Amino acid sequence: MFDKGNLWSKKIPSVVRGYFDDTHTLLKKLYLQTQKGGCVGVVIGNSAYSGVIIPSDILTAQIANEVGFNVENIFITRHLTTSSQQKKELEPLKEYLRESIVLLKK
């Protein structure tokens, strides 16, 4: 996944895994608290580490689907910039650095 030699911290892969474990826990609890037919909107920004895009919006939608939500839509709200160190490397993928709203329905 990541070239650990290029990371500013070797803990980044564990942090990313932990983030999505926490996302799963949160979405599961939200699913239980949402009334049938109810909607939930999640605002989330994608990121990049060591030249690898982390598509947080897509991954959040997949996790939400796993816990029982229907993914109604993913709205791209704005594009994000990256650090100057990664700018050249990520130029072909810059459209994936974005903030989105993931709209879910129970």
C-alpha atoms as a PDB file:
ATOM      1  CA  MET A   1       0.000   0.000   0.000  1.00  0.00           C
ATOM      2  CA  PHE A   2       2.493   2.641   1.165  1.00  0.00           C
ATOM      3  CA  ASP A   3       6.205   2.844   0.640  1.00  0.00           C
ATOM      4  CA  LYS A   4       7.014   3.140   4.347  1.00  0.00           C
ATOM      5  CA  GLY A   5      10.427   4.598   3.499  1.00  0.00           C
ATOM      6  CA  ASN A   6       8.718   7.710   2.093  1.00  0.00           C
ATOM      7  CA  LEU A   7       6.352   8.305   5.004  1.00  0.00           C
ATOM      8  CA  TRP A   8       7.083  11.023   7.554  1.00  0.00           C
ATOM      9  CA  SER A   9       5.920   8.519  10.163  1.00  0.00           C
ATOM     10  CA  LYS A  10       5.891   4.731   9.940  1.00  0.00           C
ATOM     11  CA  LYS A  11       2.673   4.800  11.989  1.00  0.00           C
ATOM     12  CA  ILE A  12       0.628   6.239   9.086  1.00  0.00           C
ATOM     13  CA  PRO A  13      -0.672   2.854   7.790  1.00  0.00           C
ATOM     14  CA  SER A  14      -1.868   1.932  11.295  1.00  0.00           C
ATOM     15  CA  VAL A  15      -3.460   5.355  11.726  1.00  0.00           C
ATOM     16  CA  VAL A  16      -5.331   4.999   8.422  1.00  0.00           C
ATOM     17  CA  ARG A  17      -6.560   1.508   9.382  1.00  0.00           C
ATOM     18  CA  GLY A  18      -7.645   2.804  12.787  1.00  0.00           C
ATOM     19  CA  TYR A  19      -9.487   5.712  11.174  1.00  0.00           C
ATOM     20  CA  PHE A  20     -11.603   3.366   9.064  1.00  0.00           C
ATOM     21  CA  ASP A  21     -12.168   1.010  12.002  1.00  0.00           C
ATOM     22  CA  ASP A  22     -13.524   4.032  13.896  1.00  0.00           C
ATOM     23  CA  THR A  23     -15.605   5.005  10.856  1.00  0.00           C
ATOM     24  CA  HIS A  24     -17.158   1.525  10.861  1.00  0.00           C
ATOM     25  CA  THR A  25     -18.000   1.816  14.567  1.00  0.00           C
ATOM     26  CA  LEU A  26     -19.525   5.284  14.083  1.00  0.00           C
ATOM     27  CA  LEU A  27     -21.631   4.276  11.073  1.00  0.00           C
ATOM     28  CA  LYS A  28     -22.889   1.160  12.841  1.00  0.00           C
ATOM     29  CA  LYS A  29     -24.034   3.280  15.800  1.00  0.00           C
ATOM     30  CA  LEU A  30     -25.603   5.856  13.477  1.00  0.00           C
ATOM     31  CA  TYR A  31     -27.449   3.084  11.657  1.00  0.00           C
ATOM     32  CA  LEU A  32     -28.931   1.834  14.932  1.00  0.00           C
ATOM     33  CA  GLN A  33     -30.009   5.378  15.909  1.00  0.00           C
ATOM     34  CA  THR A  34     -31.504   6.325  12.533  1.00  0.00           C
ATOM     35  CA  GLN A  35     -35.224   5.767  11.977  1.00  0.00           C
ATOM     36  CA  LYS A  36     -36.303   3.676   8.996  1.00  0.00           C
ATOM     37  CA  GLY A  37     -36.394   6.002   5.979  1.00  0.00           C
ATOM     38  CA  GLY A  38     -34.105   8.473   7.745  1.00  0.00           C
ATOM     39  CA  CYS A  39     -31.019  10.032   6.161  1.00  0.00           C
ATOM     40  CA  VAL A  40     -27.503  10.709   7.375  1.00  0.00           C
ATOM     41  CA  GLY A  41     -24.957  12.990   5.689  1.00  0.00           C
ATOM     42  CA  VAL A  42     -21.251  12.480   6.259  1.00  0.00           C
ATOM     43  CA  VAL A  43     -18.835  15.260   5.271  1.00  0.00           C
ATOM     44  CA  ILE A  44     -15.445  13.764   4.539  1.00  0.00           C
ATOM     45  CA  GLY A  45     -12.214  14.738   2.836  1.00  0.00           C
ATOM     46  CA  ASN A  46      -9.924  12.440   0.906  1.00  0.00           C
ATOM     47  CA  SER A  47      -6.205  12.588   1.575  1.00  0.00           C
ATOM     48  CA  ALA A  48      -2.901  11.281   0.279  1.00  0.00           C
ATOM     49  CA  TYR A  49       0.177   9.767   1.864  1.00  0.00           C
ATOM     50  CA  SER A  50       3.391   8.869   0.089  1.00  0.00           C
ATOM     51  CA  GLY A  51       1.768   9.443  -3.303  1.00  0.00           C
ATOM     52  CA  VAL A  52      -1.220   7.184  -2.522  1.00  0.00           C
ATOM     53  CA  ILE A  53      -4.725   8.671  -2.580  1.00  0.00           C
ATOM     54  CA  ILE A  54      -6.955   7.581   0.308  1.00  0.00           C
ATOM     55  CA  PRO A  55     -10.490   7.715  -1.191  1.00  0.00           C
ATOM     56  CA  SER A  56     -12.206   8.286   2.148  1.00  0.00           C
ATOM     57  CA  ASP A  57     -15.545   9.164   0.562  1.00  0.00           C
ATOM     58  CA  ILE A  58     -15.710   5.919  -1.427  1.00  0.00           C
ATOM     59  CA  LEU A  59     -14.442   3.822   1.478  1.00  0.00           C
ATOM     60  CA  THR A  60     -16.960   5.433   3.853  1.00  0.00           C
ATOM     61  CA  ALA A  61     -19.753   4.662   1.371  1.00  0.00           C
ATOM     62  CA  GLN A  62     -18.623   1.018   1.205  1.00  0.00           C
ATOM     63  CA  ILE A  63     -18.522   0.734   4.995  1.00  0.00           C
ATOM     64  CA  ALA A  64     -21.961   2.376   5.281  1.00  0.00           C
ATOM     65  CA  ASN A  65     -23.337  -0.142   2.813  1.00  0.00           C
ATOM     66  CA  GLU A  66     -21.838  -2.998   4.853  1.00  0.00           C
ATOM     67  CA  VAL A  67     -23.624  -1.834   8.018  1.00  0.00           C
ATOM     68  CA  GLY A  68     -26.972  -1.582   6.230  1.00  0.00           C
ATOM     69  CA  PHE A  69     -27.288   1.936   4.830  1.00  0.00           C
ATOM     70  CA  ASN A  70     -28.179   2.578   1.214  1.00  0.00           C
ATOM     71  CA  VAL A  71     -25.774   5.039  -0.372  1.00  0.00           C
ATOM     72  CA  GLU A  72     -28.018   7.635  -2.013  1.00  0.00           C
ATOM     73  CA  ASN A  73     -25.259   9.798  -3.457  1.00  0.00           C
ATOM     74  CA  ILE A  74     -21.753  11.159  -3.053  1.00  0.00           C
ATOM     75  CA  PHE A  75     -21.694  14.913  -3.660  1.00  0.00           C
ATOM     76  CA  ILE A  76     -18.288  16.425  -4.371  1.00  0.00           C
ATOM     77  CA  THR A  77     -18.339  19.800  -2.624  1.00  0.00           C
ATOM     78  CA  ARG A  78     -14.840  21.099  -3.331  1.00  0.00           C
ATOM     79  CA  HIS A  79     -11.381  20.063  -4.427  1.00  0.00           C
ATOM     80  CA  LEU A  80      -8.520  20.053  -1.951  1.00  0.00           C
ATOM     81  CA  THR A  81      -4.877  20.914  -2.330  1.00  0.00           C
ATOM     82  CA  THR A  82      -1.993  18.808  -1.138  1.00  0.00           C
ATOM     83  CA  SER A  83       1.339  19.551   0.433  1.00  0.00           C
ATOM     84  CA  SER A  84       3.988  21.069  -1.819  1.00  0.00           C
ATOM     85  CA  GLN A  85       6.039  17.881  -1.373  1.00  0.00           C
ATOM     86  CA  GLN A  86       3.318  15.760  -3.028  1.00  0.00           C
ATOM     87  CA  LYS A  87       1.945  18.298  -5.513  1.00  0.00           C
ATOM     88  CA  LYS A  88       3.979  17.178  -8.548  1.00  0.00           C
ATOM     89  CA  GLU A  89       3.615  13.479  -7.742  1.00  0.00           C
ATOM     90  CA  LEU A  90      -0.172  13.713  -7.332  1.00  0.00           C
ATOM     91  CA  GLU A  91      -0.870  16.053 -10.270  1.00  0.00           C
ATOM     92  CA  PRO A  92      -2.480  13.270 -12.404  1.00  0.00           C
ATOM     93  CA  LEU A  93      -4.721  12.290  -9.457  1.00  0.00           C
ATOM     94  CA  LYS A  94      -5.593  15.761  -8.148  1.00  0.00           C
ATOM     95  CA  GLU A  95      -9.306  15.344  -8.998  1.00  0.00           C
ATOM     96  CA  TYR A  96      -9.479  12.656  -6.295  1.00  0.00           C
ATOM     97  CA  LEU A  97      -8.301  15.058  -3.593  1.00  0.00           C
ATOM     98  CA  ARG A  98     -11.716  16.343  -2.661  1.00  0.00           C
ATOM     99  CA  GLU A  99     -14.207  16.945   0.083  1.00  0.00           C
ATOM    100  CA  SER A 100     -17.526  15.174  -0.313  1.00  0.00           C
ATOM    101  CA  ILE A 101     -20.866  14.628   1.350  1.00  0.00           C
ATOM    102  CA  VAL A 102     -21.830  10.961   1.484  1.00  0.00           C
ATOM    103  CA  LEU A 103     -25.636  10.808   1.699  1.00  0.00           C
ATOM    104  CA  LEU A 104     -26.982   7.650   3.345  1.00  0.00           C
ATOM    105  CA  LYS A 105     -30.490   6.342   3.851  1.00  0.00           C
ATOM    106  CA  LYS A 106     -31.794   3.632   6.142  1.00  0.00           C
END
